[in-house]
């Protein structure tokens, strides 16, 4: 992964806000992806290798992962209350970084 001072966050609920706030306190630039955004468009302006924290709710995870361009899936960090390998494997993600708080 590239050395970065940036973080992209998809999902600004409780967990997304918490981790975004921590990143900002550490001096990282945080770029949000909201429901109104097209992820591919936002990611097109961000350096490849920049971590992409996906912190959407369980009901929105499948749609969120489907919206990530294949060439950016290696940048994904999944954080969720419940995560199962089948959740990301059906989207062609081999071994994303996963955190279950």
N, C-alpha and C. Protein backbone atom coordinates (compact mmCIF):
# COMPACT_ATOMS: atom_id res chain seq x y z
N UNK A 1 0.84 -1.17 0.00
CA UNK A 1 0.00 0.00 0.00
C UNK A 1 0.89 1.24 0.00
N UNK A 2 0.42 2.28 -0.67
CA UNK A 2 1.16 3.55 -0.71
C UNK A 2 1.12 4.21 0.67
N UNK A 3 2.21 4.91 1.02
CA UNK A 3 2.17 5.73 2.23
C UNK A 3 1.19 6.85 1.93
N UNK A 4 0.24 7.05 2.81
CA UNK A 4 -0.81 8.02 2.53
C UNK A 4 -1.13 8.84 3.76
N UNK A 5 -1.61 9.99 3.52
CA UNK A 5 -2.13 10.85 4.58
C UNK A 5 -3.61 11.11 4.30
N UNK A 6 -4.23 10.21 3.58
CA UNK A 6 -5.62 10.33 3.19
C UNK A 6 -6.39 9.09 3.62
N UNK A 7 -7.69 9.27 3.76
CA UNK A 7 -8.61 8.17 4.03
C UNK A 7 -9.91 8.50 3.34
N UNK A 8 -10.48 7.52 2.67
CA UNK A 8 -11.80 7.66 2.07
C UNK A 8 -12.75 6.86 2.95
N UNK A 9 -13.90 7.44 3.27
CA UNK A 9 -14.86 6.77 4.13
C UNK A 9 -16.21 6.70 3.42
N UNK A 10 -16.70 5.47 3.27
CA UNK A 10 -18.03 5.24 2.71
C UNK A 10 -18.91 4.78 3.86
N UNK A 11 -19.88 5.61 4.21
CA UNK A 11 -20.77 5.31 5.32
C UNK A 11 -20.41 6.18 6.51
N UNK A 12 -21.21 7.20 6.75
CA UNK A 12 -20.91 8.15 7.82
C UNK A 12 -21.90 8.03 8.97
N UNK A 13 -22.26 6.80 9.29
CA UNK A 13 -23.07 6.56 10.48
C UNK A 13 -22.17 6.61 11.70
N UNK A 14 -22.59 5.94 12.76
CA UNK A 14 -21.82 5.97 14.01
C UNK A 14 -20.36 5.57 13.83
N UNK A 15 -20.14 4.40 13.22
CA UNK A 15 -18.76 3.92 13.07
C UNK A 15 -17.96 4.79 12.10
N UNK A 16 -18.56 5.16 10.99
CA UNK A 16 -17.86 5.98 10.01
C UNK A 16 -17.46 7.33 10.58
N UNK A 17 -18.36 7.95 11.35
CA UNK A 17 -18.03 9.22 11.98
C UNK A 17 -16.93 9.06 13.03
N UNK A 18 -17.01 7.99 13.79
CA UNK A 18 -16.01 7.74 14.83
C UNK A 18 -14.61 7.60 14.22
N UNK A 19 -14.47 6.75 13.21
CA UNK A 19 -13.16 6.54 12.60
C UNK A 19 -12.71 7.75 11.78
N UNK A 20 -13.63 8.45 11.15
CA UNK A 20 -13.27 9.68 10.43
C UNK A 20 -12.73 10.73 11.39
N UNK A 21 -13.39 10.87 12.54
CA UNK A 21 -12.92 11.83 13.54
C UNK A 21 -11.53 11.50 14.02
N UNK A 22 -11.26 10.22 14.26
CA UNK A 22 -9.92 9.80 14.67
C UNK A 22 -8.88 10.09 13.61
N UNK A 23 -9.24 9.83 12.36
CA UNK A 23 -8.31 10.10 11.26
C UNK A 23 -8.02 11.60 11.16
N UNK A 24 -9.04 12.42 11.31
CA UNK A 24 -8.84 13.86 11.25
C UNK A 24 -7.95 14.34 12.40
N UNK A 25 -8.14 13.78 13.59
CA UNK A 25 -7.30 14.15 14.72
C UNK A 25 -5.84 13.77 14.49
N UNK A 26 -5.61 12.73 13.70
CA UNK A 26 -4.24 12.32 13.37
C UNK A 26 -3.64 13.12 12.22
N UNK A 27 -4.44 14.02 11.64
CA UNK A 27 -3.95 14.86 10.56
C UNK A 27 -4.20 14.32 9.16
N UNK A 28 -4.99 13.26 9.05
CA UNK A 28 -5.31 12.73 7.74
C UNK A 28 -6.40 13.58 7.08
N UNK A 29 -6.36 13.63 5.77
CA UNK A 29 -7.45 14.24 5.02
C UNK A 29 -8.48 13.15 4.78
N UNK A 30 -9.73 13.42 5.14
CA UNK A 30 -10.80 12.43 5.01
C UNK A 30 -11.72 12.87 3.88
N UNK A 31 -11.94 11.96 2.93
CA UNK A 31 -12.87 12.20 1.83
C UNK A 31 -14.07 11.28 2.04
N UNK A 32 -15.26 11.85 2.24
CA UNK A 32 -16.44 11.01 2.44
C UNK A 32 -17.06 10.58 1.11
N UNK A 33 -17.69 9.42 1.13
CA UNK A 33 -18.56 8.99 0.04
C UNK A 33 -19.94 8.82 0.68
N UNK A 34 -20.88 9.66 0.27
CA UNK A 34 -22.22 9.61 0.82
C UNK A 34 -23.17 8.90 -0.14
N UNK A 35 -24.40 8.72 0.28
CA UNK A 35 -25.40 8.06 -0.57
C UNK A 35 -25.63 8.80 -1.87
N UNK A 36 -25.41 10.10 -1.87
CA UNK A 36 -25.63 10.91 -3.08
C UNK A 36 -24.50 10.75 -4.09
N UNK A 37 -23.35 10.27 -3.65
CA UNK A 37 -22.17 10.19 -4.50
C UNK A 37 -22.13 8.89 -5.31
N UNK A 38 -21.44 8.97 -6.43
CA UNK A 38 -21.09 7.78 -7.18
C UNK A 38 -19.67 7.39 -6.75
N UNK A 39 -19.52 6.25 -6.07
CA UNK A 39 -18.20 5.88 -5.57
C UNK A 39 -17.10 5.91 -6.62
N UNK A 40 -17.37 5.43 -7.82
CA UNK A 40 -16.34 5.40 -8.86
C UNK A 40 -15.87 6.82 -9.20
N UNK A 41 -16.78 7.77 -9.17
CA UNK A 41 -16.43 9.15 -9.47
C UNK A 41 -15.53 9.74 -8.38
N UNK A 42 -15.91 9.52 -7.11
CA UNK A 42 -15.09 10.02 -6.01
C UNK A 42 -13.73 9.35 -6.02
N UNK A 43 -13.69 8.04 -6.16
CA UNK A 43 -12.43 7.30 -6.13
C UNK A 43 -11.53 7.65 -7.31
N UNK A 44 -12.12 8.08 -8.42
CA UNK A 44 -11.35 8.50 -9.58
C UNK A 44 -10.47 9.71 -9.31
N UNK A 45 -10.80 10.48 -8.27
CA UNK A 45 -10.03 11.67 -7.91
C UNK A 45 -9.03 11.40 -6.79
N UNK A 46 -8.99 10.16 -6.31
CA UNK A 46 -8.16 9.80 -5.16
C UNK A 46 -7.06 8.85 -5.63
N UNK A 47 -5.87 9.02 -5.09
CA UNK A 47 -4.73 8.17 -5.45
C UNK A 47 -5.02 6.71 -5.13
N UNK A 48 -4.77 5.85 -6.09
CA UNK A 48 -4.91 4.41 -5.86
C UNK A 48 -3.99 4.00 -4.71
N UNK A 49 -4.48 3.13 -3.86
CA UNK A 49 -3.74 2.72 -2.68
C UNK A 49 -4.17 3.46 -1.43
N UNK A 50 -4.99 4.50 -1.60
CA UNK A 50 -5.53 5.21 -0.44
C UNK A 50 -6.56 4.31 0.23
N UNK A 51 -6.47 4.12 1.54
CA UNK A 51 -7.43 3.25 2.23
C UNK A 51 -8.86 3.74 2.05
N UNK A 52 -9.75 2.79 1.83
CA UNK A 52 -11.18 3.04 1.67
C UNK A 52 -11.90 2.31 2.79
N UNK A 53 -12.32 3.04 3.80
CA UNK A 53 -13.03 2.47 4.93
C UNK A 53 -14.50 2.36 4.57
N UNK A 54 -15.01 1.15 4.52
CA UNK A 54 -16.41 0.92 4.20
C UNK A 54 -17.12 0.58 5.50
N UNK A 55 -17.96 1.51 5.95
CA UNK A 55 -18.62 1.36 7.25
C UNK A 55 -20.13 1.55 7.14
N UNK A 56 -20.70 1.05 6.06
CA UNK A 56 -22.14 1.15 5.88
C UNK A 56 -22.84 0.10 6.73
N UNK A 57 -24.13 0.28 6.93
CA UNK A 57 -24.91 -0.70 7.69
C UNK A 57 -25.01 -2.02 6.95
N UNK A 58 -25.35 -3.06 7.70
CA UNK A 58 -25.42 -4.41 7.14
C UNK A 58 -26.33 -4.48 5.91
N UNK A 59 -27.46 -3.77 5.97
CA UNK A 59 -28.42 -3.82 4.86
C UNK A 59 -27.88 -3.17 3.59
N UNK A 60 -26.90 -2.29 3.71
CA UNK A 60 -26.35 -1.57 2.56
C UNK A 60 -25.01 -2.10 2.08
N UNK A 61 -24.47 -3.11 2.77
CA UNK A 61 -23.12 -3.58 2.43
C UNK A 61 -23.03 -4.14 1.03
N UNK A 62 -23.96 -4.96 0.62
CA UNK A 62 -23.90 -5.58 -0.70
C UNK A 62 -23.89 -4.52 -1.80
N UNK A 63 -24.76 -3.54 -1.70
CA UNK A 63 -24.82 -2.47 -2.69
C UNK A 63 -23.54 -1.63 -2.69
N UNK A 64 -23.01 -1.37 -1.49
CA UNK A 64 -21.78 -0.58 -1.39
C UNK A 64 -20.61 -1.31 -2.04
N UNK A 65 -20.46 -2.59 -1.76
CA UNK A 65 -19.35 -3.35 -2.34
C UNK A 65 -19.48 -3.47 -3.85
N UNK A 66 -20.70 -3.61 -4.34
CA UNK A 66 -20.92 -3.69 -5.78
C UNK A 66 -20.53 -2.39 -6.48
N UNK A 67 -20.59 -1.26 -5.76
CA UNK A 67 -20.29 0.04 -6.35
C UNK A 67 -18.80 0.36 -6.38
N UNK A 68 -17.98 -0.45 -5.71
CA UNK A 68 -16.54 -0.21 -5.69
C UNK A 68 -15.93 -0.76 -6.99
N UNK A 69 -15.23 0.07 -7.75
CA UNK A 69 -14.60 -0.43 -8.97
C UNK A 69 -13.63 -1.57 -8.65
N UNK A 70 -13.57 -2.57 -9.50
CA UNK A 70 -12.70 -3.73 -9.25
C UNK A 70 -11.25 -3.35 -8.95
N UNK A 71 -10.73 -2.32 -9.62
CA UNK A 71 -9.33 -1.95 -9.39
C UNK A 71 -9.10 -1.23 -8.07
N UNK A 72 -10.17 -0.93 -7.33
CA UNK A 72 -10.03 -0.26 -6.02
C UNK A 72 -10.41 -1.17 -4.86
N UNK A 73 -10.80 -2.38 -5.14
CA UNK A 73 -11.24 -3.30 -4.07
C UNK A 73 -10.11 -3.68 -3.13
N UNK A 74 -8.87 -3.66 -3.61
CA UNK A 74 -7.74 -3.97 -2.73
C UNK A 74 -7.50 -2.88 -1.69
N UNK A 75 -8.08 -1.70 -1.90
CA UNK A 75 -7.94 -0.58 -0.97
C UNK A 75 -8.95 -0.66 0.18
N UNK A 76 -9.88 -1.59 0.10
CA UNK A 76 -11.01 -1.62 1.03
C UNK A 76 -10.64 -2.12 2.42
N UNK A 77 -11.19 -1.44 3.41
CA UNK A 77 -11.15 -1.85 4.80
C UNK A 77 -12.61 -1.98 5.21
N UNK A 78 -13.04 -3.15 5.60
CA UNK A 78 -14.44 -3.35 5.95
C UNK A 78 -14.59 -3.31 7.46
N UNK A 79 -15.51 -2.48 7.92
CA UNK A 79 -15.81 -2.43 9.35
C UNK A 79 -17.32 -2.53 9.50
N UNK A 80 -17.71 -3.47 10.29
CA UNK A 80 -19.13 -3.80 10.40
C UNK A 80 -19.36 -4.57 11.70
N UNK A 81 -20.56 -4.54 12.19
CA UNK A 81 -20.89 -5.32 13.39
C UNK A 81 -20.87 -6.81 13.10
N UNK A 82 -21.26 -7.19 11.90
CA UNK A 82 -21.23 -8.59 11.48
C UNK A 82 -20.66 -8.66 10.08
N UNK A 83 -19.63 -9.46 9.90
CA UNK A 83 -19.04 -9.65 8.58
C UNK A 83 -18.75 -11.12 8.38
N UNK A 84 -19.11 -11.60 7.21
CA UNK A 84 -18.86 -12.99 6.85
C UNK A 84 -18.15 -13.01 5.50
N UNK A 85 -17.24 -13.96 5.29
CA UNK A 85 -16.50 -14.00 4.02
C UNK A 85 -17.40 -13.95 2.78
N UNK A 86 -18.55 -14.57 2.84
CA UNK A 86 -19.44 -14.56 1.67
C UNK A 86 -19.87 -13.14 1.31
N UNK A 87 -19.87 -12.22 2.29
CA UNK A 87 -20.27 -10.84 2.04
C UNK A 87 -19.36 -10.15 1.04
N UNK A 88 -18.04 -10.43 1.11
CA UNK A 88 -17.12 -9.77 0.19
C UNK A 88 -16.69 -10.68 -0.95
N UNK A 89 -16.72 -11.99 -0.76
CA UNK A 89 -16.27 -12.89 -1.82
C UNK A 89 -17.14 -12.81 -3.06
N UNK A 90 -18.43 -12.60 -2.89
CA UNK A 90 -19.31 -12.52 -4.07
C UNK A 90 -19.04 -11.28 -4.92
N UNK A 91 -18.21 -10.36 -4.40
CA UNK A 91 -17.84 -9.16 -5.16
C UNK A 91 -16.40 -9.24 -5.66
N UNK A 92 -15.81 -10.43 -5.60
CA UNK A 92 -14.47 -10.62 -6.13
C UNK A 92 -13.37 -10.08 -5.25
N UNK A 93 -13.67 -9.84 -3.99
CA UNK A 93 -12.65 -9.37 -3.06
C UNK A 93 -12.01 -10.57 -2.41
N UNK A 94 -10.68 -10.69 -2.55
CA UNK A 94 -9.99 -11.86 -2.02
C UNK A 94 -9.87 -11.81 -0.50
N UNK A 95 -9.08 -10.92 0.01
CA UNK A 95 -8.86 -10.85 1.45
C UNK A 95 -8.78 -9.40 1.89
N UNK A 96 -9.92 -8.74 2.02
CA UNK A 96 -9.87 -7.35 2.49
C UNK A 96 -9.48 -7.31 3.96
N UNK A 97 -9.06 -6.15 4.40
CA UNK A 97 -8.83 -5.93 5.81
C UNK A 97 -10.20 -5.82 6.46
N UNK A 98 -10.42 -6.60 7.52
CA UNK A 98 -11.74 -6.66 8.15
C UNK A 98 -11.61 -6.35 9.63
N UNK A 99 -12.52 -5.53 10.13
CA UNK A 99 -12.60 -5.23 11.57
C UNK A 99 -14.05 -5.38 12.00
N UNK A 100 -14.24 -6.10 13.08
CA UNK A 100 -15.58 -6.26 13.65
C UNK A 100 -15.52 -5.68 15.06
N UNK A 101 -16.06 -4.46 15.25
CA UNK A 101 -15.98 -3.82 16.59
C UNK A 101 -16.93 -4.47 17.58
